[in-house]
Amino acid sequence: MKSKMKRQSARKEIKKILKFTGSLTKQWGFGEPLGRVWGFLLLKQKPLRQEEIEKGTQYSRGLVSRSLKKLAKLGLVEINRKGRYLYYGTTSSLIKGFNKMIQAFLQENTKLVKELNQSIPLIKDHGLKKCLENMVREYALLKKSFVLLSKINEQLLTLNTKTLASASKLKKQLESFLKAEKLKTVWR
């Protein structure tokens, strides 16, 4: 009876984690299924066949296949053949994977913003022109903040092995960035 309760409790926790990773990837425009598949692979910590992923995520073969292809394209999953089966395994931790998603997001949107910026001189409507110029300027700030977030994430990975001096250094870097961008710091 206890082992059955433990299995049910473990399933509930797995569902919570998959919901979290699904929500994370959905917010970044990669879709919830991609995050749930990635989360399942992160939890298992070993390469799995597609059928195992389908069973664990309760997704169809097609949805899992598309998610695995996207994950491989992002560099979050590697594919290895063993005999007649393909095995899919994660290539990074949650934080490193999140950083890869930030980079992909920036790469995709930088192209769009660049095109938008190039079209501004062609716009005759002064109000629309000002609005687009502001959006391009804000995107530049947003891009800097995402790059900084990536650096913070990388630093956080080293905190497990280094002293809290790293956290102090990180705080100083963040404060200098905010000062350079004329933003207020709110440290307690």
Protein backbone atom coordinates (compact mmCIF):
# COMPACT_ATOMS: atom_id res chain seq x y z
CA MET A 1 0.00 0.00 0.00
CA LYS A 2 2.86 2.39 0.86
CA SER A 3 4.62 1.78 -2.46
CA LYS A 4 1.40 2.56 -4.34
CA MET A 5 1.06 5.85 -2.42
CA LYS A 6 4.71 6.68 -3.16
CA ARG A 7 4.17 6.06 -6.89
CA GLN A 8 1.07 8.27 -6.89
CA SER A 9 2.95 11.00 -5.04
CA ALA A 10 5.85 10.74 -7.49
CA ARG A 11 3.45 11.00 -10.45
CA LYS A 12 1.91 14.15 -8.95
CA GLU A 13 5.35 15.72 -8.56
CA ILE A 14 6.32 14.77 -12.12
CA LYS A 15 3.11 16.38 -13.41
CA LYS A 16 3.93 19.58 -11.49
CA ILE A 17 7.44 19.71 -12.94
CA LEU A 18 6.20 19.03 -16.48
CA LYS A 19 3.60 21.75 -16.04
CA PHE A 20 6.36 24.14 -14.94
CA THR A 21 8.70 23.36 -17.87
CA GLY A 22 5.73 23.49 -20.26
CA SER A 23 4.72 26.89 -18.92
CA LEU A 24 8.29 28.16 -19.19
CA THR A 25 8.66 27.23 -22.86
CA LYS A 26 5.16 28.42 -23.68
CA GLN A 27 5.94 31.88 -22.28
CA TRP A 28 9.01 32.09 -24.53
CA GLY A 29 7.03 31.17 -27.62
CA PHE A 30 8.22 27.58 -28.02
CA GLY A 31 4.99 25.90 -26.99
CA GLU A 32 3.99 23.90 -23.95
CA PRO A 33 4.54 20.41 -25.44
CA LEU A 34 8.20 21.21 -26.14
CA GLY A 35 8.70 22.12 -22.47
CA ARG A 36 6.91 19.07 -21.16
CA VAL A 37 8.98 16.75 -23.37
CA TRP A 38 12.18 18.54 -22.34
CA GLY A 39 11.14 18.45 -18.67
CA PHE A 40 10.49 14.72 -18.88
CA LEU A 41 13.96 14.15 -20.32
CA LEU A 42 15.50 16.38 -17.63
CA LEU A 43 13.76 14.35 -14.93
CA LYS A 44 14.80 10.97 -16.32
CA GLN A 45 18.45 12.04 -16.65
CA LYS A 46 19.16 9.39 -19.26
CA PRO A 47 18.51 8.98 -22.98
CA LEU A 48 15.07 7.58 -23.80
CA ARG A 49 13.33 6.16 -26.85
CA GLN A 50 10.49 8.20 -28.33
CA GLU A 51 7.92 5.62 -27.18
CA GLU A 52 9.05 6.09 -23.56
CA ILE A 53 8.68 9.85 -23.89
CA GLU A 54 5.21 9.46 -25.40
CA LYS A 55 4.15 7.28 -22.48
CA GLY A 56 5.69 9.59 -19.87
CA THR A 57 4.21 12.79 -21.29
CA GLN A 58 0.97 11.23 -22.55
CA TYR A 59 1.48 12.98 -25.89
CA SER A 60 0.93 11.55 -29.35
CA ARG A 61 3.79 10.27 -31.48
CA GLY A 62 3.52 13.27 -33.83
CA LEU A 63 3.57 15.85 -31.05
CA VAL A 64 6.55 14.21 -29.35
CA SER A 65 8.37 13.90 -32.69
CA ARG A 66 7.88 17.60 -33.51
CA SER A 67 8.94 18.61 -30.01
CA LEU A 68 12.08 16.48 -30.18
CA LYS A 69 13.03 18.00 -33.54
CA LYS A 70 12.63 21.53 -32.13
CA LEU A 71 14.60 20.60 -29.01
CA ALA A 72 17.39 19.16 -31.15
CA LYS A 73 17.41 22.33 -33.29
CA LEU A 74 17.74 24.43 -30.11
CA GLY A 75 20.61 22.22 -28.97
CA LEU A 76 18.72 20.99 -25.91
CA VAL A 77 18.51 17.36 -27.00
CA GLU A 78 20.96 15.04 -28.69
CA ILE A 79 19.98 11.99 -30.68
CA ASN A 80 21.93 8.73 -30.62
CA ARG A 81 21.21 5.51 -32.47
CA LYS A 82 21.59 2.21 -30.62
CA GLY A 83 20.76 -0.67 -32.88
CA ARG A 84 17.48 0.08 -34.54
CA TYR A 85 16.32 2.61 -31.93
CA LEU A 86 16.92 6.33 -31.58
CA TYR A 87 17.58 7.62 -28.07
CA TYR A 88 16.98 11.21 -27.03
CA GLY A 89 18.85 12.79 -24.12
CA THR A 90 19.22 16.28 -22.74
CA THR A 91 22.40 18.19 -23.43
CA SER A 92 22.15 20.70 -20.60
CA SER A 93 20.68 21.65 -17.26
CA LEU A 94 17.49 23.66 -16.82
CA ILE A 95 19.41 26.94 -16.51
CA LYS A 96 21.68 26.30 -19.49
CA GLY A 97 18.68 25.22 -21.53
CA PHE A 98 16.78 28.33 -20.53
CA ASN A 99 19.75 30.42 -21.67
CA LYS A 100 19.68 28.65 -25.05
CA MET A 101 15.99 29.52 -25.34
CA ILE A 102 16.76 33.18 -24.55
CA GLN A 103 19.43 33.19 -27.26
CA ALA A 104 17.05 31.61 -29.79
CA PHE A 105 14.32 34.11 -28.85
CA LEU A 106 16.72 37.02 -29.30
CA GLN A 107 18.05 35.69 -32.57
CA GLU A 108 14.58 35.29 -34.02
CA ASN A 109 13.29 38.65 -32.84
CA THR A 110 16.45 40.61 -33.66
CA LYS A 111 15.85 39.91 -37.35
CA LEU A 112 12.30 41.22 -37.08
CA VAL A 113 13.35 44.36 -35.20
CA LYS A 114 16.15 44.98 -37.73
CA GLU A 115 13.63 44.84 -40.59
CA LEU A 116 11.30 47.12 -38.66
CA ASN A 117 14.12 49.59 -38.02
CA GLN A 118 15.02 49.64 -41.72
CA SER A 119 11.44 50.46 -42.66
CA ILE A 120 11.15 53.46 -40.30
CA PRO A 121 12.62 56.01 -42.76
CA LEU A 122 9.97 55.01 -45.31
CA ILE A 123 7.06 55.79 -42.98
CA LYS A 124 5.36 59.14 -43.58
CA ASP A 125 3.05 59.19 -40.54
CA HIS A 126 5.01 61.05 -37.83
CA GLY A 127 3.11 59.44 -34.92
CA LEU A 128 3.65 55.91 -36.22
CA LYS A 129 7.29 56.68 -36.94
CA LYS A 130 7.85 57.86 -33.33
CA CYS A 131 6.08 54.81 -31.96
CA LEU A 132 8.25 52.43 -34.01
CA GLU A 133 11.43 54.28 -33.03
CA ASN A 134 10.46 53.89 -29.36
CA MET A 135 9.76 50.18 -29.86
CA VAL A 136 13.17 49.64 -31.49
CA ARG A 137 14.87 51.56 -28.65
CA GLU A 138 13.00 49.55 -26.01
CA TYR A 139 13.87 46.31 -27.76
CA ALA A 140 17.55 47.25 -27.52
CA LEU A 141 17.11 47.63 -23.75
CA LEU A 142 15.17 44.39 -23.56
CA LYS A 143 17.91 42.59 -25.46
CA LYS A 144 20.52 43.91 -23.00
CA SER A 145 18.43 42.73 -20.07
CA PHE A 146 18.07 39.24 -21.60
CA VAL A 147 21.82 39.05 -22.17
CA LEU A 148 22.32 40.10 -18.55
CA LEU A 149 19.80 37.50 -17.40
CA SER A 150 21.77 34.84 -19.28
CA LYS A 151 24.97 35.95 -17.55
CA ILE A 152 23.24 35.90 -14.16
CA ASN A 153 21.99 32.38 -14.85
CA GLU A 154 25.49 31.20 -15.76
CA GLN A 155 26.86 32.78 -12.58
CA LEU A 156 24.18 31.07 -10.50
CA LEU A 157 25.38 27.71 -11.76
CA THR A 158 28.81 28.39 -10.28
CA LEU A 159 27.44 29.36 -6.85
CA ASN A 160 27.19 25.70 -5.88
CA THR A 161 30.96 25.35 -6.07
CA LYS A 162 32.18 28.87 -5.26
CA THR A 163 31.71 31.24 -2.35
CA LEU A 164 29.07 33.90 -2.05
CA ALA A 165 31.69 36.37 -3.27
CA SER A 166 30.39 35.43 -6.72
CA ALA A 167 26.95 36.66 -5.72
CA SER A 168 28.44 39.95 -4.55
CA LYS A 169 30.33 40.31 -7.85
CA LEU A 170 27.13 39.52 -9.73
CA LYS A 171 25.25 42.19 -7.75
CA LYS A 172 27.91 44.77 -8.63
CA GLN A 173 27.71 43.84 -12.34
CA LEU A 174 23.94 44.21 -12.26
CA GLU A 175 24.15 47.57 -10.46
CA SER A 176 26.67 48.87 -13.00
CA PHE A 177 24.43 47.76 -15.87
CA LEU A 178 21.43 49.48 -14.33
CA LYS A 179 23.45 52.64 -13.72
CA ALA A 180 24.71 52.64 -17.30
CA GLU A 181 21.14 52.31 -18.55
CA LYS A 182 19.95 54.99 -16.11
CA LEU A 183 17.66 52.58 -14.28
CA LYS A 184 17.06 52.50 -10.54
CA THR A 185 18.30 49.67 -8.35
CA VAL A 186 16.11 48.30 -5.61
CA TRP A 187 18.43 46.22 -3.40
CA ARG A 188 17.46 45.40 0.15
